[in-house]
Amino acid sequence: MAMSGGCSTPASNAAESAPVVVSVSSSGRLAVKGKSVPLKSLNRTLRAAGARTKTPIHVSLSPGTPDARVAEISRTLASGKFPRVVFIRPKKPSASGKGL
Protein backbone atom coordinates (compact mmCIF):
# COMPACT_ATOMS: atom_id res chain seq x y z
CA MET A 1 0.00 0.00 0.00
CA ALA A 2 1.38 3.39 -0.92
CA MET A 3 1.19 6.26 1.52
CA SER A 4 1.48 9.86 0.56
CA GLY A 5 3.33 12.33 2.74
CA GLY A 6 2.29 15.78 3.80
CA CYS A 7 -0.69 17.23 5.49
CA SER A 8 -3.97 18.16 3.99
CA THR A 9 -6.40 20.60 5.52
CA PRO A 10 -10.02 20.63 4.44
CA ALA A 11 -11.07 23.90 2.83
CA SER A 12 -13.64 24.53 5.55
CA ASN A 13 -10.94 24.42 8.27
CA ALA A 14 -8.69 26.74 6.29
CA ALA A 15 -11.48 29.28 5.97
CA GLU A 16 -12.20 29.08 9.69
CA SER A 17 -8.59 29.83 10.60
CA ALA A 18 -8.42 33.11 8.64
CA PRO A 19 -9.49 35.95 10.95
CA VAL A 20 -12.29 38.32 10.11
CA VAL A 21 -11.41 41.90 11.06
CA VAL A 22 -13.85 44.33 12.64
CA SER A 23 -12.59 47.92 12.64
CA VAL A 24 -13.75 50.33 15.33
CA SER A 25 -13.34 54.09 14.90
CA SER A 26 -12.55 56.39 17.81
CA SER A 27 -16.21 57.41 17.78
CA GLY A 28 -17.22 53.74 18.12
CA ARG A 29 -18.45 53.08 14.58
CA LEU A 30 -17.96 49.54 13.31
CA ALA A 31 -16.86 48.33 9.88
CA VAL A 32 -16.41 44.86 8.42
CA LYS A 33 -14.54 44.60 5.11
CA GLY A 34 -14.76 48.39 4.76
CA LYS A 35 -18.53 48.55 5.14
CA SER A 36 -20.17 50.32 8.06
CA VAL A 37 -22.16 47.98 10.30
CA PRO A 38 -24.52 48.81 13.16
CA LEU A 39 -23.79 46.86 16.36
CA LYS A 40 -27.15 45.06 16.20
CA SER A 41 -26.17 43.62 12.78
CA LEU A 42 -22.58 42.71 13.63
CA ASN A 43 -23.07 38.97 14.18
CA ARG A 44 -25.20 38.60 11.05
CA THR A 45 -22.62 40.55 9.02
CA LEU A 46 -19.78 38.38 10.33
CA ARG A 47 -21.66 35.21 9.39
CA ALA A 48 -22.32 36.66 5.92
CA ALA A 49 -18.57 37.35 5.65
CA GLY A 50 -17.91 33.66 6.28
CA ALA A 51 -17.21 33.69 10.03
CA ARG A 52 -18.19 30.61 12.00
CA THR A 53 -17.85 29.63 15.66
CA LYS A 54 -14.18 28.68 15.28
CA THR A 55 -13.27 31.72 13.16
CA PRO A 56 -10.96 34.18 14.92
CA ILE A 57 -12.45 37.66 15.10
CA HIS A 58 -9.89 40.47 15.33
CA VAL A 59 -11.38 43.73 16.59
CA SER A 60 -9.05 46.57 15.62
CA LEU A 61 -9.61 49.53 17.93
CA SER A 62 -8.74 53.11 17.04
CA PRO A 63 -7.07 55.32 19.64
CA GLY A 64 -9.70 56.74 21.93
CA THR A 65 -12.28 53.98 21.45
CA PRO A 66 -14.36 54.14 24.64
CA ASP A 67 -14.07 51.16 27.00
CA ALA A 68 -17.87 51.04 27.20
CA ARG A 69 -18.00 50.46 23.43
CA VAL A 70 -15.44 47.66 23.72
CA ALA A 71 -17.66 46.01 26.35
CA GLU A 72 -20.74 46.33 24.10
CA ILE A 73 -18.88 44.72 21.20
CA SER A 74 -17.60 41.93 23.45
CA ARG A 75 -21.12 41.14 24.71
CA THR A 76 -22.51 41.18 21.17
CA LEU A 77 -19.84 38.79 19.87
CA ALA A 78 -20.35 36.47 22.84
CA SER A 79 -24.10 36.38 22.16
CA GLY A 80 -23.28 35.43 18.55
CA LYS A 81 -21.22 32.45 19.76
CA PHE A 82 -17.87 33.88 18.65
CA PRO A 83 -15.46 32.77 21.40
CA ARG A 84 -12.21 33.49 19.51
CA VAL A 85 -12.12 37.29 19.78
CA VAL A 86 -8.97 39.38 20.03
CA PHE A 87 -9.17 43.11 20.69
CA ILE A 88 -6.20 44.96 19.20
CA ARG A 89 -5.33 48.38 20.53
CA PRO A 90 -2.81 50.59 18.72
CA LYS A 91 0.69 50.42 20.14
CA LYS A 92 1.76 53.39 22.19
CA PRO A 93 5.12 54.98 21.33
CA SER A 94 7.88 53.46 23.42
CA ALA A 95 10.14 55.66 25.53
CA SER A 96 12.76 52.88 25.71
CA GLY A 97 14.75 54.41 22.83
CA LYS A 98 15.75 57.44 24.94
CA GLY A 99 19.22 57.64 26.35
CA LEU A 100 20.81 55.18 23.95
PDB file of N, CA and C in Angstrom:
ATOM      1  N   MET A   1       0.827  -1.172   0.000  1.00  0.00           N
ATOM      2  CA  MET A   1       0.000   0.000   0.000  1.00  0.00           C
ATOM      3  C   MET A   1       0.880   1.246   0.000  1.00  0.00           C
ATOM      4  N   ALA A   2       0.588   2.164  -0.838  1.00  0.00           N
ATOM      5  CA  ALA A   2       1.379   3.386  -0.921  1.00  0.00           C
ATOM      6  C   ALA A   2       0.782   4.448  -0.014  1.00  0.00           C
ATOM      7  N   MET A   3       1.658   5.173   0.650  1.00  0.00           N
ATOM      8  CA  MET A   3       1.193   6.261   1.519  1.00  0.00           C
ATOM      9  C   MET A   3       1.776   7.558   0.989  1.00  0.00           C
ATOM     10  N   SER A   4       0.980   8.566   1.004  1.00  0.00           N
ATOM     11  CA  SER A   4       1.481   9.865   0.562  1.00  0.00           C
ATOM     12  C   SER A   4       1.862  10.685   1.779  1.00  0.00           C
ATOM     13  N   GLY A   5       2.879  11.489   1.638  1.00  0.00           N
ATOM     14  CA  GLY A   5       3.328  12.330   2.739  1.00  0.00           C
ATOM     15  C   GLY A   5       2.631  13.674   2.710  1.00  0.00           C
ATOM     16  N   GLY A   6       2.846  14.428   3.748  1.00  0.00           N
ATOM     17  CA  GLY A   6       2.293  15.780   3.802  1.00  0.00           C
ATOM     18  C   GLY A   6       1.029  15.835   4.623  1.00  0.00           C
ATOM     19  N   CYS A   7       0.505  16.983   4.688  1.00  0.00           N
ATOM     20  CA  CYS A   7      -0.686  17.229   5.494  1.00  0.00           C
ATOM     21  C   CYS A   7      -1.718  17.924   4.633  1.00  0.00           C
ATOM     22  N   SER A   8      -2.913  17.471   4.742  1.00  0.00           N
ATOM     23  CA  SER A   8      -3.966  18.162   3.988  1.00  0.00           C
ATOM     24  C   SER A   8      -4.957  18.749   4.969  1.00  0.00           C
ATOM     25  N   THR A   9      -5.422  19.923   4.685  1.00  0.00           N
ATOM     26  CA  THR A   9      -6.395  20.602   5.515  1.00  0.00           C
ATOM     27  C   THR A   9      -7.648  20.825   4.690  1.00  0.00           C
ATOM     28  N   PRO A  10      -8.791  20.377   5.186  1.00  0.00           N
ATOM     29  CA  PRO A  10     -10.019  20.627   4.440  1.00  0.00           C
ATOM     30  C   PRO A  10     -10.240  22.127   4.249  1.00  0.00           C
ATOM     31  N   ALA A  11     -10.845  22.479   3.139  1.00  0.00           N
ATOM     32  CA  ALA A  11     -11.071  23.896   2.825  1.00  0.00           C
ATOM     33  C   ALA A  11     -11.869  24.585   3.915  1.00  0.00           C
ATOM     34  N   SER A  12     -12.823  23.900   4.526  1.00  0.00           N
ATOM     35  CA  SER A  12     -13.638  24.535   5.553  1.00  0.00           C
ATOM     36  C   SER A  12     -12.796  24.913   6.770  1.00  0.00           C
ATOM     37  N   ASN A  13     -11.809  24.083   7.148  1.00  0.00           N
ATOM     38  CA  ASN A  13     -10.942  24.417   8.271  1.00  0.00           C
ATOM     39  C   ASN A  13     -10.027  25.585   7.929  1.00  0.00           C
ATOM     40  N   ALA A  14      -9.555  25.644   6.700  1.00  0.00           N
ATOM     41  CA  ALA A  14      -8.689  26.738   6.292  1.00  0.00           C
ATOM     42  C   ALA A  14      -9.441  28.063   6.359  1.00  0.00           C
ATOM     43  N   ALA A  15     -10.692  28.051   5.933  1.00  0.00           N
ATOM     44  CA  ALA A  15     -11.482  29.276   5.966  1.00  0.00           C
ATOM     45  C   ALA A  15     -11.751  29.710   7.403  1.00  0.00           C
ATOM     46  N   GLU A  16     -11.920  28.748   8.298  1.00  0.00           N
ATOM     47  CA  GLU A  16     -12.196  29.081   9.690  1.00  0.00           C
ATOM     48  C   GLU A  16     -10.978  29.654  10.398  1.00  0.00           C
ATOM     49  N   SER A  17      -9.787  29.355   9.921  1.00  0.00           N
ATOM     50  CA  SER A  17      -8.593  29.832  10.597  1.00  0.00           C
ATOM     51  C   SER A  17      -8.208  31.253  10.188  1.00  0.00           C
ATOM     52  N   ALA A  18      -8.710  31.738   9.062  1.00  0.00           N
ATOM     53  CA  ALA A  18      -8.419  33.109   8.639  1.00  0.00           C
ATOM     54  C   ALA A  18      -9.296  34.068   9.436  1.00  0.00           C
ATOM     55  N   PRO A  19      -8.677  35.038  10.132  1.00  0.00           N
ATOM     56  CA  PRO A  19      -9.493  35.945  10.950  1.00  0.00           C
ATOM     57  C   PRO A  19     -10.341  36.889  10.106  1.00  0.00           C
ATOM     58  N   VAL A  20     -11.465  37.270  10.681  1.00  0.00           N
ATOM     59  CA  VAL A  20     -12.294  38.325  10.108  1.00  0.00           C
ATOM     60  C   VAL A  20     -12.042  39.553  10.969  1.00  0.00           C
ATOM     61  N   VAL A  21     -11.770  40.684  10.334  1.00  0.00           N
ATOM     62  CA  VAL A  21     -11.409  41.903  11.057  1.00  0.00           C
ATOM     63  C   VAL A  21     -12.613  42.839  11.162  1.00  0.00           C
ATOM     64  N   VAL A  22     -12.849  43.299  12.376  1.00  0.00           N
ATOM     65  CA  VAL A  22     -13.848  44.329  12.642  1.00  0.00           C
ATOM     66  C   VAL A  22     -13.060  45.574  13.031  1.00  0.00           C
ATOM     67  N   SER A  23     -13.265  46.664  12.320  1.00  0.00           N
ATOM     68  CA  SER A  23     -12.586  47.924  12.635  1.00  0.00           C
ATOM     69  C   SER A  23     -13.521  48.805  13.442  1.00  0.00           C
ATOM     70  N   VAL A  24     -12.960  49.447  14.473  1.00  0.00           N
ATOM     71  CA  VAL A  24     -13.753  50.329  15.326  1.00  0.00           C
ATOM     72  C   VAL A  24     -13.104  51.704  15.315  1.00  0.00           C
ATOM     73  N   SER A  25     -13.868  52.721  14.924  1.00  0.00           N
ATOM     74  CA  SER A  25     -13.339  54.092  14.901  1.00  0.00           C
ATOM     75  C   SER A  25     -13.313  54.657  16.317  1.00  0.00           C
ATOM     76  N   SER A  26     -12.625  55.769  16.487  1.00  0.00           N
ATOM     77  CA  SER A  26     -12.554  56.393  17.813  1.00  0.00           C
ATOM     78  C   SER A  26     -13.924  56.842  18.304  1.00  0.00           C
ATOM     79  N   SER A  27     -14.851  57.041  17.376  1.00  0.00           N
ATOM     80  CA  SER A  27     -16.215  57.409  17.780  1.00  0.00           C
ATOM     81  C   SER A  27     -17.078  56.175  18.071  1.00  0.00           C
ATOM     82  N   GLY A  28     -16.502  54.972  17.813  1.00  0.00           N
ATOM     83  CA  GLY A  28     -17.222  53.742  18.124  1.00  0.00           C
ATOM     84  C   GLY A  28     -17.928  53.098  16.953  1.00  0.00           C
ATOM     85  N   ARG A  29     -17.804  53.676  15.758  1.00  0.00           N
ATOM     86  CA  ARG A  29     -18.452  53.081  14.579  1.00  0.00           C
ATOM     87  C   ARG A  29     -17.724  51.815  14.159  1.00  0.00           C
ATOM     88  N   LEU A  30     -18.501  50.828  13.708  1.00  0.00           N
ATOM     89  CA  LEU A  30     -17.957  49.535  13.308  1.00  0.00           C
ATOM     90  C   LEU A  30     -17.923  49.400  11.795  1.00  0.00           C
ATOM     91  N   ALA A  31     -16.938  48.649  11.311  1.00  0.00           N
ATOM     92  CA  ALA A  31     -16.858  48.328   9.884  1.00  0.00           C
ATOM     93  C   ALA A  31     -16.307  46.919   9.727  1.00  0.00           C
ATOM     94  N   VAL A  32     -16.888  46.180   8.787  1.00  0.00           N
ATOM     95  CA  VAL A  32     -16.410  44.856   8.419  1.00  0.00           C
ATOM     96  C   VAL A  32     -16.160  44.889   6.925  1.00  0.00           C
ATOM     97  N   LYS A  33     -14.942  44.553   6.526  1.00  0.00           N
ATOM     98  CA  LYS A  33     -14.541  44.601   5.112  1.00  0.00           C
ATOM     99  C   LYS A  33     -14.834  45.962   4.488  1.00  0.00           C
ATOM    100  N   GLY A  34     -14.600  47.024   5.248  1.00  0.00           N
ATOM    101  CA  GLY A  34     -14.756  48.386   4.760  1.00  0.00           C
ATOM    102  C   GLY A  34     -16.177  48.926   4.741  1.00  0.00           C
ATOM    103  N   LYS A  35     -17.140  48.106   5.140  1.00  0.00           N
ATOM    104  CA  LYS A  35     -18.535  48.552   5.137  1.00  0.00           C
ATOM    105  C   LYS A  35     -19.011  48.800   6.552  1.00  0.00           C
ATOM    106  N   SER A  36     -19.640  49.957   6.757  1.00  0.00           N
ATOM    107  CA  SER A  36     -20.168  50.324   8.063  1.00  0.00           C
ATOM    108  C   SER A  36     -21.263  49.349   8.493  1.00  0.00           C
ATOM    109  N   VAL A  37     -21.216  48.970   9.776  1.00  0.00           N
ATOM    110  CA  VAL A  37     -22.158  47.980  10.299  1.00  0.00           C
ATOM    111  C   VAL A  37     -22.683  48.460  11.646  1.00  0.00           C
ATOM    112  N   PRO A  38     -24.006  48.497  11.830  1.00  0.00           N
ATOM    113  CA  PRO A  38     -24.523  48.808  13.162  1.00  0.00           C
ATOM    114  C   PRO A  38     -24.273  47.625  14.112  1.00  0.00           C
ATOM    115  N   LEU A  39     -24.099  47.898  15.382  1.00  0.00           N
ATOM    116  CA  LEU A  39     -23.795  46.862  16.356  1.00  0.00           C
ATOM    117  C   LEU A  39     -24.830  45.739  16.329  1.00  0.00           C
ATOM    118  N   LYS A  40     -26.103  46.090  16.177  1.00  0.00           N
ATOM    119  CA  LYS A  40     -27.154  45.061  16.201  1.00  0.00           C
ATOM    120  C   LYS A  40     -27.056  44.090  15.021  1.00  0.00           C
ATOM    121  N   SER A  41     -26.339  44.486  13.958  1.00  0.00           N
ATOM    122  CA  SER A  41     -26.174  43.622  12.779  1.00  0.00           C
ATOM    123  C   SER A  41     -24.804  42.972  12.699  1.00  0.00           C
ATOM    124  N   LEU A  42     -23.965  43.180  13.711  1.00  0.00           N
ATOM    125  CA  LEU A  42     -22.579  42.714  13.633  1.00  0.00           C
ATOM    126  C   LEU A  42     -22.491  41.195  13.455  1.00  0.00           C
ATOM    127  N   ASN A  43     -23.169  40.429  14.280  1.00  0.00           N
ATOM    128  CA  ASN A  43     -23.073  38.967  14.181  1.00  0.00           C
ATOM    129  C   ASN A  43     -23.568  38.460  12.832  1.00  0.00           C
ATOM    130  N   ARG A  44     -24.662  39.002  12.356  1.00  0.00           N
ATOM    131  CA  ARG A  44     -25.202  38.601  11.050  1.00  0.00           C
ATOM    132  C   ARG A  44     -24.209  38.946   9.938  1.00  0.00           C
ATOM    133  N   THR A  45     -23.597  40.115  10.034  1.00  0.00           N
ATOM    134  CA  THR A  45     -22.621  40.547   9.021  1.00  0.00           C
ATOM    135  C   THR A  45     -21.387  39.652   9.039  1.00  0.00           C
ATOM    136  N   LEU A  46     -20.938  39.277  10.228  1.00  0.00           N
ATOM    137  CA  LEU A  46     -19.779  38.384  10.329  1.00  0.00           C
ATOM    138  C   LEU A  46     -20.084  37.024   9.718  1.00  0.00           C
ATOM    139  N   ARG A  47     -21.266  36.505   9.979  1.00  0.00           N
ATOM    140  CA  ARG A  47     -21.659  35.208   9.392  1.00  0.00           C
ATOM    141  C   ARG A  47     -21.721  35.329   7.861  1.00  0.00           C
ATOM    142  N   ALA A  48     -22.248  36.443   7.369  1.00  0.00           N
ATOM    143  CA  ALA A  48     -22.321  36.656   5.919  1.00  0.00           C
ATOM    144  C   ALA A  48     -20.920  36.763   5.305  1.00  0.00           C
ATOM    145  N   ALA A  49     -19.958  37.224   6.118  1.00  0.00           N
ATOM    146  CA  ALA A  49     -18.572  37.346   5.649  1.00  0.00           C
ATOM    147  C   ALA A  49     -17.820  36.017   5.764  1.00  0.00           C
ATOM    148  N   GLY A  50     -18.517  34.987   6.222  1.00  0.00           N
ATOM    149  CA  GLY A  50     -17.910  33.662   6.283  1.00  0.00           C
ATOM    150  C   GLY A  50     -17.450  33.223   7.661  1.00  0.00           C
ATOM    151  N   ALA A  51     -17.650  34.047   8.683  1.00  0.00           N
ATOM    152  CA  ALA A  51     -17.213  33.693  10.030  1.00  0.00           C
ATOM    153  C   ALA A  51     -18.119  32.605  10.611  1.00  0.00           C
ATOM    154  N   ARG A  52     -17.477  31.675  11.300  1.00  0.00           N
ATOM    155  CA  ARG A  52     -18.187  30.608  11.996  1.00  0.00           C
ATOM    156  C   ARG A  52     -17.699  30.586  13.442  1.00  0.00           C
ATOM    157  N   THR A  53     -18.204  29.685  14.235  1.00  0.00           N
ATOM    158  CA  THR A  53     -17.854  29.635  15.659  1.00  0.00           C
ATOM    159  C   THR A  53     -16.347  29.577  15.894  1.00  0.00           C
ATOM    160  N   LYS A  54     -15.625  28.822  15.075  1.00  0.00           N
ATOM    161  CA  LYS A  54     -14.181  28.679  15.278  1.00  0.00           C
ATOM    162  C   LYS A  54     -13.355  29.752  14.579  1.00  0.00           C
ATOM    163  N   THR A  55     -13.986  30.665  13.879  1.00  0.00           N
ATOM    164  CA  THR A  55     -13.266  31.716  13.156  1.00  0.00           C
ATOM    165  C   THR A  55     -12.743  32.766  14.140  1.00  0.00           C
ATOM    166  N   PRO A  56     -11.459  33.086  14.080  1.00  0.00           N
ATOM    167  CA  PRO A  56     -10.955  34.176  14.917  1.00  0.00           C
ATOM    168  C   PRO A  56     -11.531  35.520  14.444  1.00  0.00           C
ATOM    169  N   ILE A  57     -11.958  36.313  15.391  1.00  0.00           N
ATOM    170  CA  ILE A  57     -12.454  37.659  15.096  1.00  0.00           C
ATOM    171  C   ILE A  57     -11.449  38.635  15.699  1.00  0.00           C
ATOM    172  N   HIS A  58     -10.835  39.461  14.861  1.00  0.00           N
ATOM    173  CA  HIS A  58      -9.892  40.473  15.326  1.00  0.00           C
ATOM    174  C   HIS A  58     -10.605  41.820  15.304  1.00  0.00           C
ATOM    175  N   VAL A  59     -10.724  42.432  16.464  1.00  0.00           N
ATOM    176  CA  VAL A  59     -11.381  43.725  16.587  1.00  0.00           C
ATOM    177  C   VAL A  59     -10.293  44.779  16.724  1.00  0.00           C
ATOM    178  N   SER A  60     -10.094  45.553  15.669  1.00  0.00           N
ATOM    179  CA  SER A  60      -9.049  46.571  15.617  1.00  0.00           C
ATOM    180  C   SER A  60      -9.607  47.896  16.134  1.00  0.00           C
ATOM    181  N   LEU A  61      -9.111  48.325  17.284  1.00  0.00           N
ATOM    182  CA  LEU A  61      -9.611  49.532  17.931  1.00  0.00           C
ATOM    183  C   LEU A  61      -8.775  50.746  17.555  1.00  0.00           C
ATOM    184  N   SER A  62      -9.432  51.841  17.283  1.00  0.00           N
ATOM    185  CA  SER A  62      -8.740  53.106  17.037  1.00  0.00           C
ATOM    186  C   SER A  62      -8.382  53.732  18.377  1.00  0.00           C
ATOM    187  N   PRO A  63      -7.371  54.612  18.385  1.00  0.00           N
ATOM    188  CA  PRO A  63      -7.068  55.317  19.638  1.00  0.00           C
ATOM    189  C   PRO A  63      -8.306  56.074  20.111  1.00  0.00           C
ATOM    190  N   GLY A  64      -8.570  56.010  21.379  1.00  0.00           N
ATOM    191  CA  GLY A  64      -9.703  56.742  21.934  1.00  0.00           C
ATOM    192  C   GLY A  64     -11.027  56.004  21.901  1.00  0.00           C
ATOM    193  N   THR A  65     -11.037  54.752  21.431  1.00  0.00           N
ATOM    194  CA  THR A  65     -12.283  53.983  21.448  1.00  0.00           C
ATOM    195  C   THR A  65     -12.703  53.815  22.902  1.00  0.00           C
ATOM    196  N   PRO A  66     -13.914  54.234  23.246  1.00  0.00           N
ATOM    197  CA  PRO A  66     -14.358  54.145  24.644  1.00  0.00           C
ATOM    198  C   PRO A  66     -14.429  52.700  25.140  1.00  0.00           C
ATOM    199  N   ASP A  67     -14.022  52.487  26.394  1.00  0.00           N
ATOM    200  CA  ASP A  67     -14.072  51.159  26.996  1.00  0.00           C
ATOM    201  C   ASP A  67     -15.498  50.609  27.013  1.00  0.00           C
ATOM    202  N   ALA A  68     -16.471  51.487  27.194  1.00  0.00           N
ATOM    203  CA  ALA A  68     -17.868  51.041  27.195  1.00  0.00           C
ATOM    204  C   ALA A  68     -18.245  50.438  25.842  1.00  0.00           C
ATOM    205  N   ARG A  69     -17.712  50.992  24.762  1.00  0.00           N
ATOM    206  CA  ARG A  69     -17.997  50.460  23.426  1.00  0.00           C
ATOM    207  C   ARG A  69     -17.334  49.095  23.251  1.00  0.00           C
ATOM    208  N   VAL A  70     -16.134  48.944  23.778  1.00  0.00           N
ATOM    209  CA  VAL A  70     -15.439  47.656  23.716  1.00  0.00           C
ATOM    210  C   VAL A  70     -16.279  46.604  24.440  1.00  0.00           C
ATOM    211  N   ALA A  71     -16.828  46.947  25.590  1.00  0.00           N
ATOM    212  CA  ALA A  71     -17.661  46.015  26.350  1.00  0.00           C
ATOM    213  C   ALA A  71     -18.925  45.640  25.576  1.00  0.00           C
ATOM    214  N   GLU A  72     -19.547  46.617  24.914  1.00  0.00           N
ATOM    215  CA  GLU A  72     -20.741  46.330  24.097  1.00  0.00           C
ATOM    216  C   GLU A  72     -20.414  45.351  22.969  1.00  0.00           C
ATOM    217  N   ILE A  73     -19.294  45.584  22.308  1.00  0.00           N
ATOM    218  CA  ILE A  73     -18.880  44.716  21.197  1.00  0.00           C
ATOM    219  C   ILE A  73     -18.602  43.313  21.722  1.00  0.00           C
ATOM    220  N   SER A  74     -17.917  43.228  22.854  1.00  0.00           N
ATOM    221  CA  SER A  74     -17.599  41.934  23.448  1.00  0.00           C
ATOM    222  C   SER A  74     -18.870  41.147  23.779  1.00  0.00           C
ATOM    223  N   ARG A  75     -19.849  41.804  24.379  1.00  0.00           N
ATOM    224  CA  ARG A  75     -21.121  41.142  24.712  1.00  0.00           C
ATOM    225  C   ARG A  75     -21.844  40.689  23.448  1.00  0.00           C
ATOM    226  N   THR A  76     -21.835  41.531  22.426  1.00  0.00           N
ATOM    227  CA  THR A  76     -22.507  41.183  21.170  1.00  0.00           C
ATOM    228  C   THR A  76     -21.864  39.966  20.525  1.00  0.00           C
ATOM    229  N   LEU A  77     -20.537  39.932  20.472  1.00  0.00           N
ATOM    230  CA  LEU A  77     -19.843  38.794  19.867  1.00  0.00           C
ATOM    231  C   LEU A  77     -20.054  37.515  20.678  1.00  0.00           C
ATOM    232  N   ALA A  78     -20.092  37.640  21.990  1.00  0.00           N
ATOM    233  CA  ALA A  78     -20.350  36.471  22.837  1.00  0.00           C
ATOM    234  C   ALA A  78     -21.755  35.928  22.587  1.00  0.00           C
ATOM    235  N   SER A  79     -22.722  36.822  22.415  1.00  0.00           N
ATOM    236  CA  SER A  79     -24.098  36.376  22.156  1.00  0.00           C
ATOM    237  C   SER A  79     -24.219  35.720  20.784  1.00  0.00           C
ATOM    238  N   GLY A  80     -23.291  36.035  19.877  1.00  0.00           N
ATOM    239  CA  GLY A  80     -23.278  35.434  18.550  1.00  0.00           C
ATOM    240  C   GLY A  80     -22.466  34.155  18.493  1.00  0.00           C
ATOM    241  N   LYS A  81     -21.996  33.695  19.652  1.00  0.00           N
ATOM    242  CA  LYS A  81     -21.220  32.446  19.760  1.00  0.00           C
ATOM    243  C   LYS A  81     -19.876  32.540  19.040  1.00  0.00           C
ATOM    244  N   PHE A  82     -19.225  33.700  19.179  1.00  0.00           N
ATOM    245  CA  PHE A  82     -17.873  33.884  18.651  1.00  0.00           C
ATOM    246  C   PHE A  82     -16.909  33.938  19.838  1.00  0.00           C
ATOM    247  N   PRO A  83     -16.337  32.787  20.232  1.00  0.00           N
ATOM    248  CA  PRO A  83     -15.462  32.773  21.403  1.00  0.00           C
ATOM    249  C   PRO A  83     -14.014  33.183  21.126  1.00  0.00           C
ATOM    250  N   ARG A  84     -13.619  33.209  19.864  1.00  0.00           N
ATOM    251  CA  ARG A  84     -12.212  33.487  19.514  1.00  0.00           C
ATOM    252  C   ARG A  84     -12.058  34.944  19.082  1.00  0.00           C
ATOM    253  N   VAL A  85     -12.171  35.852  20.050  1.00  0.00           N
ATOM    254  CA  VAL A  85     -12.124  37.292  19.779  1.00  0.00           C
ATOM    255  C   VAL A  85     -10.855  37.880  20.377  1.00  0.00           C
ATOM    256  N   VAL A  86     -10.163  38.673  19.575  1.00  0.00           N
ATOM    257  CA  VAL A  86      -8.972  39.381  20.029  1.00  0.00           C
ATOM    258  C   VAL A  86      -9.188  40.862  19.778  1.00  0.00           C
ATOM    259  N   PHE A  87      -9.083  41.660  20.836  1.00  0.00           N
ATOM    260  CA  PHE A  87      -9.169  43.112  20.692  1.00  0.00           C
ATOM    261  C   PHE A  87      -7.744  43.637  20.538  1.00  0.00           C
ATOM    262  N   ILE A  88      -7.533  44.446  19.507  1.00  0.00           N
ATOM    263  CA  ILE A  88      -6.197  44.956  19.199  1.00  0.00           C
ATOM    264  C   ILE A  88      -6.206  46.469  19.341  1.00  0.00           C
ATOM    265  N   ARG A  89      -5.475  46.934  20.325  1.00  0.00           N
ATOM    266  CA  ARG A  89      -5.333  48.382  20.526  1.00  0.00           C
ATOM    267  C   ARG A  89      -4.057  48.834  19.832  1.00  0.00           C
ATOM    268  N   PRO A  90      -4.037  50.089  19.351  1.00  0.00           N
ATOM    269  CA  PRO A  90      -2.809  50.588  18.717  1.00  0.00           C
ATOM    270  C   PRO A  90      -1.676  50.637  19.741  1.00  0.00           C
ATOM    271  N   LYS A  91      -0.473  50.371  19.256  1.00  0.00           N
ATOM    272  CA  LYS A  91       0.693  50.423  20.139  1.00  0.00           C
ATOM    273  C   LYS A  91       1.006  51.865  20.482  1.00  0.00           C
ATOM    274  N   LYS A  92       1.348  52.067  21.758  1.00  0.00           N
ATOM    275  CA  LYS A  92       1.765  53.392  22.190  1.00  0.00           C
ATOM    276  C   LYS A  92       3.239  53.550  21.904  1.00  0.00           C
ATOM    277  N   PRO A  93       3.687  54.778  21.578  1.00  0.00           N
ATOM    278  CA  PRO A  93       5.117  54.985  21.332  1.00  0.00           C
ATOM    279  C   PRO A  93       5.924  54.579  22.555  1.00  0.00           C
ATOM    280  N   SER A  94       7.028  53.930  22.323  1.00  0.00           N
ATOM    281  CA  SER A  94       7.878  53.459  23.416  1.00  0.00           C
ATOM    282  C   SER A  94       8.912  54.522  23.768  1.00  0.00           C
ATOM    283  N   ALA A  95       9.135  54.712  25.060  1.00  0.00           N
ATOM    284  CA  ALA A  95      10.141  55.657  25.526  1.00  0.00           C
ATOM    285  C   ALA A  95      11.474  54.960  25.739  1.00  0.00           C
ATOM    286  N   SER A  96      11.541  53.657  25.436  1.00  0.00           N
ATOM    287  CA  SER A  96      12.757  52.882  25.708  1.00  0.00           C
ATOM    288  C   SER A  96      13.933  53.305  24.819  1.00  0.00           C
ATOM    289  N   GLY A  97      13.682  54.006  23.740  1.00  0.00           N
ATOM    290  CA  GLY A  97      14.751  54.412  22.833  1.00  0.00           C
ATOM    291  C   GLY A  97      15.537  55.602  23.355  1.00  0.00           C
ATOM    292  N   LYS A  98      15.060  56.264  24.410  1.00  0.00           N
ATOM    293  CA  LYS A  98      15.753  57.443  24.941  1.00  0.00           C
ATOM    294  C   LYS A  98      16.998  57.030  25.724  1.00  0.00           C
ATOM    295  N   GLY A  99      18.001  57.836  25.585  1.00  0.00           N
ATOM    296  CA  GLY A  99      19.224  57.638  26.349  1.00  0.00           C
ATOM    297  C   GLY A  99      20.164  56.615  25.760  1.00  0.00           C
ATOM    298  N   LEU A 100      19.919  56.149  24.572  1.00  0.00           N
ATOM    299  CA  LEU A 100      20.811  55.184  23.952  1.00  0.00           C
ATOM    300  C   LEU A 100      21.805  55.835  23.057  1.00  0.00           C
TER     301      LEU A 100
END
